[in-house]
Amino acid sequence: MAHAINSASTGFNLIARIRGFFEAAATSWVQASEYKRTYTELDKLTGRELADIGVRRCDIAEISRIHVYGK
């Protein structure tokens, strides 16, 4: 009976996993920065300015989250 050795990669590539980790971390950092920027810009508006654009102050966090992360 002959045995064949399969030396193909099983998908575990340490370098690719490390690169993926750092790419995900960078993406998270960019998204967090965009969330903070959006939140801060909306929070700086006066109550009247917010009313003009149809936004309540209590909705700023949700609007910022949807802007950055989607629904």
PDB file of N, CA and C in Angstrom:
ATOM      1  N   MET A   1       0.853  -1.164   0.000  1.00  0.00           N
ATOM      2  CA  MET A   1       0.000   0.000   0.000  1.00  0.00           C
ATOM      3  C   MET A   1       0.904   1.233   0.000  1.00  0.00           C
ATOM      4  N   ALA A   2       0.644   2.125  -0.912  1.00  0.00           N
ATOM      5  CA  ALA A   2       1.450   3.333  -1.037  1.00  0.00           C
ATOM      6  C   ALA A   2       0.797   4.467  -0.252  1.00  0.00           C
ATOM      7  N   HIS A   3       1.629   5.297   0.313  1.00  0.00           N
ATOM      8  CA  HIS A   3       1.147   6.455   1.064  1.00  0.00           C
ATOM      9  C   HIS A   3       1.608   7.726   0.356  1.00  0.00           C
ATOM     10  N   ALA A   4       0.705   8.636   0.235  1.00  0.00           N
ATOM     11  CA  ALA A   4       1.050   9.923  -0.368  1.00  0.00           C
ATOM     12  C   ALA A   4       1.094  10.972   0.735  1.00  0.00           C
ATOM     13  N   ILE A   5       2.095  11.776   0.681  1.00  0.00           N
ATOM     14  CA  ILE A   5       2.225  12.857   1.663  1.00  0.00           C
ATOM     15  C   ILE A   5       1.795  14.147   0.984  1.00  0.00           C
ATOM     16  N   ASN A   6       0.830  14.759   1.569  1.00  0.00           N
ATOM     17  CA  ASN A   6       0.333  16.021   1.032  1.00  0.00           C
ATOM     18  C   ASN A   6       0.995  17.149   1.802  1.00  0.00           C
ATOM     19  N   SER A   7       1.836  17.897   1.137  1.00  0.00           N
ATOM     20  CA  SER A   7       2.556  18.973   1.814  1.00  0.00           C
ATOM     21  C   SER A   7       1.931  20.346   1.534  1.00  0.00           C
ATOM     22  N   ALA A   8       0.727  20.362   1.035  1.00  0.00           N
ATOM     23  CA  ALA A   8       0.056  21.633   0.763  1.00  0.00           C
ATOM     24  C   ALA A   8      -0.273  22.329   2.088  1.00  0.00           C
ATOM     25  N   SER A   9      -0.312  23.597   2.036  1.00  0.00           N
ATOM     26  CA  SER A   9      -0.614  24.372   3.235  1.00  0.00           C
ATOM     27  C   SER A   9      -2.051  24.123   3.669  1.00  0.00           C
ATOM     28  N   THR A  10      -2.254  24.047   4.956  1.00  0.00           N
ATOM     29  CA  THR A  10      -3.596  23.811   5.488  1.00  0.00           C
ATOM     30  C   THR A  10      -4.328  25.116   5.758  1.00  0.00           C
ATOM     31  N   GLY A  11      -3.768  26.225   5.354  1.00  0.00           N
ATOM     32  CA  GLY A  11      -4.423  27.505   5.561  1.00  0.00           C
ATOM     33  C   GLY A  11      -3.897  28.240   6.785  1.00  0.00           C
ATOM     34  N   PHE A  12      -3.062  27.615   7.556  1.00  0.00           N
ATOM     35  CA  PHE A  12      -2.498  28.263   8.733  1.00  0.00           C
ATOM     36  C   PHE A  12      -1.193  28.922   8.321  1.00  0.00           C
ATOM     37  N   ASN A  13      -1.258  30.190   8.091  1.00  0.00           N
ATOM     38  CA  ASN A  13      -0.091  30.955   7.698  1.00  0.00           C
ATOM     39  C   ASN A  13       0.092  32.060   8.740  1.00  0.00           C
ATOM     40  N   LEU A  14       1.076  31.897   9.558  1.00  0.00           N
ATOM     41  CA  LEU A  14       1.286  32.818  10.670  1.00  0.00           C
ATOM     42  C   LEU A  14       1.488  34.253  10.209  1.00  0.00           C
ATOM     43  N   ILE A  15       2.257  34.452   9.168  1.00  0.00           N
ATOM     44  CA  ILE A  15       2.519  35.806   8.673  1.00  0.00           C
ATOM     45  C   ILE A  15       1.216  36.442   8.190  1.00  0.00           C
ATOM     46  N   ALA A  16       0.399  35.694   7.473  1.00  0.00           N
ATOM     47  CA  ALA A  16      -0.874  36.222   6.981  1.00  0.00           C
ATOM     48  C   ALA A  16      -1.806  36.563   8.141  1.00  0.00           C
ATOM     49  N   ARG A  17      -1.809  35.743   9.164  1.00  0.00           N
ATOM     50  CA  ARG A  17      -2.660  36.005  10.325  1.00  0.00           C
ATOM     51  C   ARG A  17      -2.193  37.246  11.084  1.00  0.00           C
ATOM     52  N   ILE A  18      -0.889  37.411  11.213  1.00  0.00           N
ATOM     53  CA  ILE A  18      -0.354  38.599  11.889  1.00  0.00           C
ATOM     54  C   ILE A  18      -0.672  39.848  11.078  1.00  0.00           C
ATOM     55  N   ARG A  19      -0.486  39.762   9.752  1.00  0.00           N
ATOM     56  CA  ARG A  19      -0.808  40.891   8.879  1.00  0.00           C
ATOM     57  C   ARG A  19      -2.294  41.225   8.982  1.00  0.00           C
ATOM     58  N   GLY A  20      -3.144  40.221   8.991  1.00  0.00           N
ATOM     59  CA  GLY A  20      -4.581  40.428   9.128  1.00  0.00           C
ATOM     60  C   GLY A  20      -4.939  41.102  10.437  1.00  0.00           C
ATOM     61  N   PHE A  21      -4.261  40.700  11.509  1.00  0.00           N
ATOM     62  CA  PHE A  21      -4.502  41.313  12.812  1.00  0.00           C
ATOM     63  C   PHE A  21      -4.187  42.801  12.781  1.00  0.00           C
ATOM     64  N   PHE A  22      -3.022  43.145  12.221  1.00  0.00           N
ATOM     65  CA  PHE A  22      -2.629  44.548  12.190  1.00  0.00           C
ATOM     66  C   PHE A  22      -3.503  45.364  11.243  1.00  0.00           C
ATOM     67  N   GLU A  23      -3.948  44.768  10.144  1.00  0.00           N
ATOM     68  CA  GLU A  23      -4.866  45.470   9.245  1.00  0.00           C
ATOM     69  C   GLU A  23      -6.198  45.727   9.931  1.00  0.00           C
ATOM     70  N   ALA A  24      -6.693  44.740  10.669  1.00  0.00           N
ATOM     71  CA  ALA A  24      -7.952  44.912  11.401  1.00  0.00           C
ATOM     72  C   ALA A  24      -7.804  45.970  12.495  1.00  0.00           C
ATOM     73  N   ALA A  25      -6.673  45.972  13.176  1.00  0.00           N
ATOM     74  CA  ALA A  25      -6.426  46.966  14.220  1.00  0.00           C
ATOM     75  C   ALA A  25      -6.353  48.371  13.615  1.00  0.00           C
ATOM     76  N   ALA A  26      -5.696  48.494  12.466  1.00  0.00           N
ATOM     77  CA  ALA A  26      -5.600  49.798  11.806  1.00  0.00           C
ATOM     78  C   ALA A  26      -6.980  50.279  11.356  1.00  0.00           C
ATOM     79  N   THR A  27      -7.771  49.382  10.812  1.00  0.00           N
ATOM     80  CA  THR A  27      -9.128  49.732  10.381  1.00  0.00           C
ATOM     81  C   THR A  27      -9.962  50.179  11.574  1.00  0.00           C
ATOM     82  N   SER A  28      -9.854  49.457  12.678  1.00  0.00           N
ATOM     83  CA  SER A  28     -10.592  49.834  13.885  1.00  0.00           C
ATOM     84  C   SER A  28     -10.165  51.202  14.393  1.00  0.00           C
ATOM     85  N   TRP A  29      -8.883  51.484  14.327  1.00  0.00           N
ATOM     86  CA  TRP A  29      -8.374  52.777  14.790  1.00  0.00           C
ATOM     87  C   TRP A  29      -8.912  53.908  13.919  1.00  0.00           C
ATOM     88  N   VAL A  30      -8.917  53.698  12.602  1.00  0.00           N
ATOM     89  CA  VAL A  30      -9.431  54.713  11.680  1.00  0.00           C
ATOM     90  C   VAL A  30     -10.921  54.943  11.923  1.00  0.00           C
ATOM     91  N   GLN A  31     -11.673  53.859  12.109  1.00  0.00           N
ATOM     92  CA  GLN A  31     -13.105  53.992  12.359  1.00  0.00           C
ATOM     93  C   GLN A  31     -13.379  54.706  13.676  1.00  0.00           C
ATOM     94  N   ALA A  32     -12.626  54.384  14.707  1.00  0.00           N
ATOM     95  CA  ALA A  32     -12.809  55.047  16.001  1.00  0.00           C
ATOM     96  C   ALA A  32     -12.505  56.534  15.892  1.00  0.00           C
ATOM     97  N   SER A  33     -11.469  56.880  15.142  1.00  0.00           N
ATOM     98  CA  SER A  33     -11.123  58.290  14.947  1.00  0.00           C
ATOM     99  C   SER A  33     -12.229  59.022  14.194  1.00  0.00           C
ATOM    100  N   GLU A  34     -12.779  58.389  13.177  1.00  0.00           N
ATOM    101  CA  GLU A  34     -13.864  58.996  12.405  1.00  0.00           C
ATOM    102  C   GLU A  34     -15.113  59.164  13.267  1.00  0.00           C
ATOM    103  N   TYR A  35     -15.389  58.181  14.108  1.00  0.00           N
ATOM    104  CA  TYR A  35     -16.539  58.282  15.022  1.00  0.00           C
ATOM    105  C   TYR A  35     -16.363  59.480  15.962  1.00  0.00           C
ATOM    106  N   LYS A  36     -15.188  59.593  16.560  1.00  0.00           N
ATOM    107  CA  LYS A  36     -14.926  60.697  17.490  1.00  0.00           C
ATOM    108  C   LYS A  36     -15.029  62.047  16.790  1.00  0.00           C
ATOM    109  N   ARG A  37     -14.513  62.130  15.556  1.00  0.00           N
ATOM    110  CA  ARG A  37     -14.566  63.378  14.799  1.00  0.00           C
ATOM    111  C   ARG A  37     -16.009  63.766  14.488  1.00  0.00           C
ATOM    112  N   THR A  38     -16.788  62.795  14.023  1.00  0.00           N
ATOM    113  CA  THR A  38     -18.189  63.049  13.703  1.00  0.00           C
ATOM    114  C   THR A  38     -18.966  63.458  14.945  1.00  0.00           C
ATOM    115  N   TYR A  39     -18.766  62.729  16.028  1.00  0.00           N
ATOM    116  CA  TYR A  39     -19.465  63.027  17.279  1.00  0.00           C
ATOM    117  C   TYR A  39     -19.120  64.435  17.759  1.00  0.00           C
ATOM    118  N   THR A  40     -17.845  64.774  17.734  1.00  0.00           N
ATOM    119  CA  THR A  40     -17.397  66.078  18.212  1.00  0.00           C
ATOM    120  C   THR A  40     -17.974  67.208  17.364  1.00  0.00           C
ATOM    121  N   GLU A  41     -17.971  67.024  16.043  1.00  0.00           N
ATOM    122  CA  GLU A  41     -18.509  68.067  15.170  1.00  0.00           C
ATOM    123  C   GLU A  41     -19.994  68.294  15.427  1.00  0.00           C
ATOM    124  N   LEU A  42     -20.751  67.228  15.579  1.00  0.00           N
ATOM    125  CA  LEU A  42     -22.177  67.380  15.848  1.00  0.00           C
ATOM    126  C   LEU A  42     -22.419  67.949  17.239  1.00  0.00           C
ATOM    127  N   ASP A  43     -21.615  67.533  18.197  1.00  0.00           N
ATOM    128  CA  ASP A  43     -21.787  67.990  19.571  1.00  0.00           C
ATOM    129  C   ASP A  43     -21.485  69.477  19.726  1.00  0.00           C
ATOM    130  N   LYS A  44     -20.638  70.029  18.862  1.00  0.00           N
ATOM    131  CA  LYS A  44     -20.295  71.449  18.927  1.00  0.00           C
ATOM    132  C   LYS A  44     -21.423  72.341  18.435  1.00  0.00           C
ATOM    133  N   LEU A  45     -22.366  71.766  17.683  1.00  0.00           N
ATOM    134  CA  LEU A  45     -23.465  72.575  17.156  1.00  0.00           C
ATOM    135  C   LEU A  45     -24.395  73.006  18.287  1.00  0.00           C
ATOM    136  N   THR A  46     -24.990  74.168  18.102  1.00  0.00           N
ATOM    137  CA  THR A  46     -25.950  74.652  19.094  1.00  0.00           C
ATOM    138  C   THR A  46     -27.266  73.905  18.929  1.00  0.00           C
ATOM    139  N   GLY A  47     -28.123  74.032  19.913  1.00  0.00           N
ATOM    140  CA  GLY A  47     -29.433  73.399  19.837  1.00  0.00           C
ATOM    141  C   GLY A  47     -30.221  73.856  18.627  1.00  0.00           C
ATOM    142  N   ARG A  48     -30.108  75.124  18.302  1.00  0.00           N
ATOM    143  CA  ARG A  48     -30.815  75.670  17.139  1.00  0.00           C
ATOM    144  C   ARG A  48     -30.280  75.082  15.841  1.00  0.00           C
ATOM    145  N   GLU A  49     -28.954  74.970  15.735  1.00  0.00           N
ATOM    146  CA  GLU A  49     -28.355  74.396  14.524  1.00  0.00           C
ATOM    147  C   GLU A  49     -28.761  72.935  14.361  1.00  0.00           C
ATOM    148  N   LEU A  50     -28.784  72.217  15.473  1.00  0.00           N
ATOM    149  CA  LEU A  50     -29.219  70.816  15.414  1.00  0.00           C
ATOM    150  C   LEU A  50     -30.681  70.720  14.982  1.00  0.00           C
ATOM    151  N   ALA A  51     -31.513  71.601  15.515  1.00  0.00           N
ATOM    152  CA  ALA A  51     -32.930  71.604  15.143  1.00  0.00           C
ATOM    153  C   ALA A  51     -33.094  71.927  13.660  1.00  0.00           C
ATOM    154  N   ASP A  52     -32.264  72.797  13.138  1.00  0.00           N
ATOM    155  CA  ASP A  52     -32.342  73.156  11.715  1.00  0.00           C
ATOM    156  C   ASP A  52     -32.072  71.958  10.805  1.00  0.00           C
ATOM    157  N   ILE A  53     -31.195  71.066  11.241  1.00  0.00           N
ATOM    158  CA  ILE A  53     -30.895  69.891  10.416  1.00  0.00           C
ATOM    159  C   ILE A  53     -31.693  68.663  10.863  1.00  0.00           C
ATOM    160  N   GLY A  54     -32.562  68.847  11.838  1.00  0.00           N
ATOM    161  CA  GLY A  54     -33.450  67.770  12.264  1.00  0.00           C
ATOM    162  C   GLY A  54     -32.806  66.712  13.129  1.00  0.00           C
ATOM    163  N   VAL A  55     -31.859  67.115  13.941  1.00  0.00           N
ATOM    164  CA  VAL A  55     -31.143  66.172  14.807  1.00  0.00           C
ATOM    165  C   VAL A  55     -31.363  66.564  16.260  1.00  0.00           C
ATOM    166  N   ARG A  56     -31.695  65.581  17.076  1.00  0.00           N
ATOM    167  CA  ARG A  56     -31.780  65.821  18.516  1.00  0.00           C
ATOM    168  C   ARG A  56     -30.418  65.506  19.129  1.00  0.00           C
ATOM    169  N   ARG A  57     -30.090  66.213  20.181  1.00  0.00           N
ATOM    170  CA  ARG A  57     -28.785  66.011  20.817  1.00  0.00           C
ATOM    171  C   ARG A  57     -28.606  64.559  21.301  1.00  0.00           C
ATOM    172  N   CYS A  58     -29.687  63.936  21.727  1.00  0.00           N
ATOM    173  CA  CYS A  58     -29.590  62.556  22.218  1.00  0.00           C
ATOM    174  C   CYS A  58     -29.331  61.552  21.087  1.00  0.00           C
ATOM    175  N   ASP A  59     -29.472  61.984  19.831  1.00  0.00           N
ATOM    176  CA  ASP A  59     -29.255  61.093  18.690  1.00  0.00           C
ATOM    177  C   ASP A  59     -27.844  61.195  18.099  1.00  0.00           C
ATOM    178  N   ILE A  60     -27.032  62.059  18.640  1.00  0.00           N
ATOM    179  CA  ILE A  60     -25.697  62.286  18.065  1.00  0.00           C
ATOM    180  C   ILE A  60     -24.856  61.011  18.064  1.00  0.00           C
ATOM    181  N   ALA A  61     -24.860  60.273  19.154  1.00  0.00           N
ATOM    182  CA  ALA A  61     -24.047  59.052  19.220  1.00  0.00           C
ATOM    183  C   ALA A  61     -24.506  58.034  18.173  1.00  0.00           C
ATOM    184  N   GLU A  62     -25.806  57.867  18.026  1.00  0.00           N
ATOM    185  CA  GLU A  62     -26.315  56.897  17.051  1.00  0.00           C
ATOM    186  C   GLU A  62     -26.016  57.338  15.617  1.00  0.00           C
ATOM    187  N   ILE A  63     -26.180  58.620  15.345  1.00  0.00           N
ATOM    188  CA  ILE A  63     -25.877  59.129  14.002  1.00  0.00           C
ATOM    189  C   ILE A  63     -24.398  58.935  13.687  1.00  0.00           C
ATOM    190  N   SER A  64     -23.544  59.186  14.641  1.00  0.00           N
ATOM    191  CA  SER A  64     -22.100  58.996  14.444  1.00  0.00           C
ATOM    192  C   SER A  64     -21.772  57.532  14.193  1.00  0.00           C
ATOM    193  N   ARG A  65     -22.405  56.642  14.965  1.00  0.00           N
ATOM    194  CA  ARG A  65     -22.163  55.215  14.796  1.00  0.00           C
ATOM    195  C   ARG A  65     -22.604  54.737  13.419  1.00  0.00           C
ATOM    196  N   ILE A  66     -23.786  55.151  12.993  1.00  0.00           N
ATOM    197  CA  ILE A  66     -24.300  54.733  11.688  1.00  0.00           C
ATOM    198  C   ILE A  66     -23.420  55.297  10.567  1.00  0.00           C
ATOM    199  N   HIS A  67     -22.961  56.536  10.730  1.00  0.00           N
ATOM    200  CA  HIS A  67     -22.099  57.150   9.723  1.00  0.00           C
ATOM    201  C   HIS A  67     -20.821  56.342   9.525  1.00  0.00           C
ATOM    202  N   VAL A  68     -20.248  55.851  10.610  1.00  0.00           N
ATOM    203  CA  VAL A  68     -18.958  55.170  10.527  1.00  0.00           C
ATOM    204  C   VAL A  68     -19.108  53.675  10.269  1.00  0.00           C
ATOM    205  N   TYR A  69     -19.976  53.016  11.036  1.00  0.00           N
ATOM    206  CA  TYR A  69     -20.055  51.563  10.999  1.00  0.00           C
ATOM    207  C   TYR A  69     -21.219  51.029  10.170  1.00  0.00           C
ATOM    208  N   GLY A  70     -22.118  51.895   9.735  1.00  0.00           N
ATOM    209  CA  GLY A  70     -23.302  51.437   9.027  1.00  0.00           C
ATOM    210  C   GLY A  70     -24.327  50.933  10.016  1.00  0.00           C
ATOM    211  N   LYS A  71     -25.386  50.349   9.502  1.00  0.00           N
ATOM    212  CA  LYS A  71     -26.461  49.887  10.385  1.00  0.00           C
ATOM    213  C   LYS A  71     -26.168  48.566  11.009  1.00  0.00           C
TER     214      LYS A  71
END
